[in-house]
Amino acid sequence: MFNENLKHWILAGNLHNDNLNNHLIVFDIELANLRESFNEYILKANWKRFREDDLDKDSLRYDYVIFDNNVKFTPVSLYQKIKDHNNKILVFDNQSILKRKDLREIIEGAVCSSPESATKWPVRASGQPDFIFNGIIILLLKISRYDFEKRNSIVIY
């Protein structure tokens, strides 16, 4: 089932659909080689990864960027990374961003929209100008969907 879903979302291009960007949460990423499968599908999709050390000033030449557990975010640094990589795919293999309310609120601004109008929410950080994120966010989480919903009081449909 996991591989079929990844095939649908990543290889079939359904993350970009009718001028909308869908966001993806992968739960239990540490189980049954799910991380390896996820990485294989990214390779099959031919997404080009952002690398700070070899980027040649042409920021349009990459598709995605990964933020792993080595990246420690403050609200302003998370805001800035999302702004710097607007219109790209941001993969957060770093569930620490969900542990702090101020970081969760920034992520929510990037992925949420008004249910009535579908108007996207702005990304906000204290003292920074609001902006609309037009990329895709993928969260790779070690916890189950049940634990996520219980901890964050959020129901995923």
Protein backbone atom coordinates (compact mmCIF):
# COMPACT_ATOMS: atom_id res chain seq x y z
CA MET A 1 0.00 0.00 0.00
CA PHE A 2 2.79 2.43 0.90
CA ASN A 3 4.56 1.91 -2.43
CA GLU A 4 1.30 2.31 -4.35
CA ASN A 5 0.62 5.59 -2.56
CA LEU A 6 4.13 6.89 -3.26
CA LYS A 7 3.77 5.92 -6.90
CA HIS A 8 0.50 7.87 -7.03
CA TRP A 9 1.83 10.99 -5.31
CA ILE A 10 5.43 11.18 -6.49
CA LEU A 11 5.75 9.36 -9.81
CA ALA A 12 2.33 10.21 -11.21
CA GLY A 13 2.91 13.86 -10.35
CA ASN A 14 -0.15 14.18 -8.15
CA LEU A 15 1.63 16.49 -5.72
CA HIS A 16 0.97 19.16 -8.36
CA ASN A 17 -2.67 18.97 -9.33
CA ASP A 18 -4.88 21.57 -11.05
CA ASN A 19 -2.80 24.56 -9.92
CA LEU A 20 -2.88 23.25 -6.36
CA ASN A 21 -0.01 21.83 -4.42
CA ASN A 22 -0.75 18.87 -2.19
CA HIS A 23 1.29 18.26 0.90
CA LEU A 24 2.28 14.84 2.15
CA ILE A 25 2.85 13.30 5.57
CA VAL A 26 4.59 9.94 5.71
CA PHE A 27 4.03 8.26 9.06
CA ASP A 28 6.19 5.53 10.63
CA ILE A 29 9.05 6.30 8.23
CA GLU A 30 11.42 4.05 10.21
CA LEU A 31 9.28 0.92 9.71
CA ALA A 32 9.84 -1.75 7.06
CA ASN A 33 12.32 0.22 4.96
CA LEU A 34 9.83 3.01 4.22
CA ARG A 35 12.61 5.60 4.14
CA GLU A 36 14.48 3.59 1.49
CA SER A 37 11.30 3.26 -0.58
CA PHE A 38 10.66 6.99 -0.30
CA ASN A 39 14.21 7.77 -1.46
CA GLU A 40 13.87 5.31 -4.36
CA TYR A 41 10.71 7.04 -5.59
CA ILE A 42 12.43 10.43 -5.46
CA LEU A 43 15.22 8.99 -7.62
CA LYS A 44 12.69 7.49 -10.05
CA ALA A 45 10.94 10.86 -10.27
CA ASN A 46 14.28 12.46 -11.25
CA TRP A 47 13.94 15.21 -8.68
CA LYS A 48 17.13 17.21 -8.39
CA ARG A 49 18.25 17.88 -4.79
CA PHE A 50 19.38 21.27 -3.51
CA ARG A 51 22.94 21.27 -2.18
CA GLU A 52 24.28 24.48 -0.71
CA ASP A 53 27.89 23.68 -1.55
CA ASP A 54 27.43 23.09 -5.29
CA LEU A 55 24.60 25.44 -6.24
CA ASP A 56 25.70 27.74 -9.03
CA LYS A 57 23.44 30.74 -8.33
CA ASP A 58 20.68 29.31 -10.56
CA SER A 59 18.16 28.48 -7.86
CA LEU A 60 15.66 27.15 -10.41
CA ARG A 61 17.85 24.13 -11.13
CA TYR A 62 16.70 22.04 -8.20
CA ASP A 63 13.37 20.49 -7.25
CA TYR A 64 13.65 19.73 -3.56
CA VAL A 65 15.55 20.33 -0.36
CA ILE A 66 15.79 18.05 2.69
CA PHE A 67 15.99 19.29 6.25
CA ASP A 68 17.13 16.46 8.52
CA ASN A 69 17.49 16.25 12.29
CA ASN A 70 20.82 18.08 12.14
CA VAL A 71 19.01 21.30 11.25
CA LYS A 72 17.89 23.17 14.38
CA PHE A 73 15.17 25.69 13.70
CA THR A 74 14.10 28.89 15.35
CA PRO A 75 10.87 30.50 14.16
CA VAL A 76 12.78 33.02 12.05
CA SER A 77 15.16 30.44 10.56
CA LEU A 78 12.26 28.11 9.62
CA TYR A 79 10.37 31.04 8.10
CA GLN A 80 13.50 32.03 6.14
CA LYS A 81 14.12 28.49 4.80
CA ILE A 82 10.52 28.24 3.60
CA LYS A 83 10.80 31.68 1.98
CA ASP A 84 14.21 30.90 0.41
CA HIS A 85 12.84 27.72 -1.17
CA ASN A 86 9.39 28.99 -2.14
CA ASN A 87 7.97 27.10 -5.16
CA LYS A 88 10.08 24.03 -4.34
CA ILE A 89 9.48 20.74 -2.51
CA LEU A 90 10.61 20.92 1.12
CA VAL A 91 11.14 17.55 2.79
CA PHE A 92 11.31 17.73 6.56
CA ASP A 93 12.91 14.57 7.86
CA ASN A 94 12.93 16.36 11.16
CA GLN A 95 9.90 15.98 13.38
CA SER A 96 11.33 18.39 15.95
CA ILE A 97 9.49 21.15 14.06
CA LEU A 98 6.25 19.68 15.38
CA LYS A 99 7.32 19.78 19.03
CA ARG A 100 7.19 23.56 19.31
CA LYS A 101 3.95 25.46 18.77
CA ASP A 102 5.67 28.47 17.18
CA LEU A 103 7.33 26.21 14.56
CA ARG A 104 4.09 24.26 13.92
CA GLU A 105 2.28 27.54 13.27
CA ILE A 106 4.81 28.47 10.58
CA ILE A 107 4.40 25.07 8.90
CA GLU A 108 0.60 25.43 9.12
CA GLY A 109 0.85 28.79 7.38
CA ALA A 110 2.75 27.13 4.54
CA VAL A 111 0.34 24.23 4.04
CA CYS A 112 -3.13 25.42 5.09
CA SER A 113 -5.84 27.29 3.29
CA SER A 114 -9.27 28.57 4.18
CA PRO A 115 -11.88 25.78 3.87
CA GLU A 116 -14.49 28.20 2.57
CA SER A 117 -12.48 29.99 -0.13
CA ALA A 118 -9.38 27.80 -0.60
CA THR A 119 -7.35 30.99 -0.09
CA LYS A 120 -3.89 30.03 1.11
CA TRP A 121 -2.79 31.14 4.54
CA PRO A 122 0.27 33.37 4.80
CA VAL A 123 3.51 32.20 6.36
CA ARG A 124 4.22 34.39 9.37
CA ALA A 125 7.06 34.92 11.81
CA SER A 126 7.39 37.70 14.34
CA GLY A 127 8.90 40.81 12.79
CA GLN A 128 8.95 39.32 9.26
CA PRO A 129 6.70 40.22 6.32
CA ASP A 130 3.99 37.66 5.50
CA PHE A 131 4.23 35.70 2.25
CA ILE A 132 2.36 32.91 0.49
CA PHE A 133 4.23 29.62 0.11
CA ASN A 134 3.66 28.10 -3.32
CA GLY A 135 5.68 24.93 -2.92
CA ILE A 136 5.06 21.51 -1.43
CA ILE A 137 5.89 20.30 2.06
CA ILE A 138 6.54 16.64 2.82
CA LEU A 139 6.87 15.58 6.46
CA LEU A 140 8.65 12.30 7.21
CA LEU A 141 7.62 11.26 10.71
CA LYS A 142 8.78 8.44 12.95
CA ILE A 143 5.46 8.37 14.81
CA SER A 144 2.20 6.76 13.77
CA ARG A 145 -0.75 8.69 12.42
CA TYR A 146 -2.67 7.92 15.62
CA ASP A 147 0.10 9.31 17.84
CA PHE A 148 0.43 12.37 15.61
CA GLU A 149 -3.27 13.19 15.84
CA LYS A 150 -3.29 12.57 19.59
CA ARG A 151 -0.24 14.79 20.28
CA ASN A 152 -1.10 17.60 17.90
CA SER A 153 -4.92 17.67 18.22
CA ILE A 154 -5.05 17.57 14.42
CA VAL A 155 -7.07 15.12 12.38
CA ILE A 156 -5.61 14.22 8.97
CA TYR A 157 -8.07 13.34 6.20
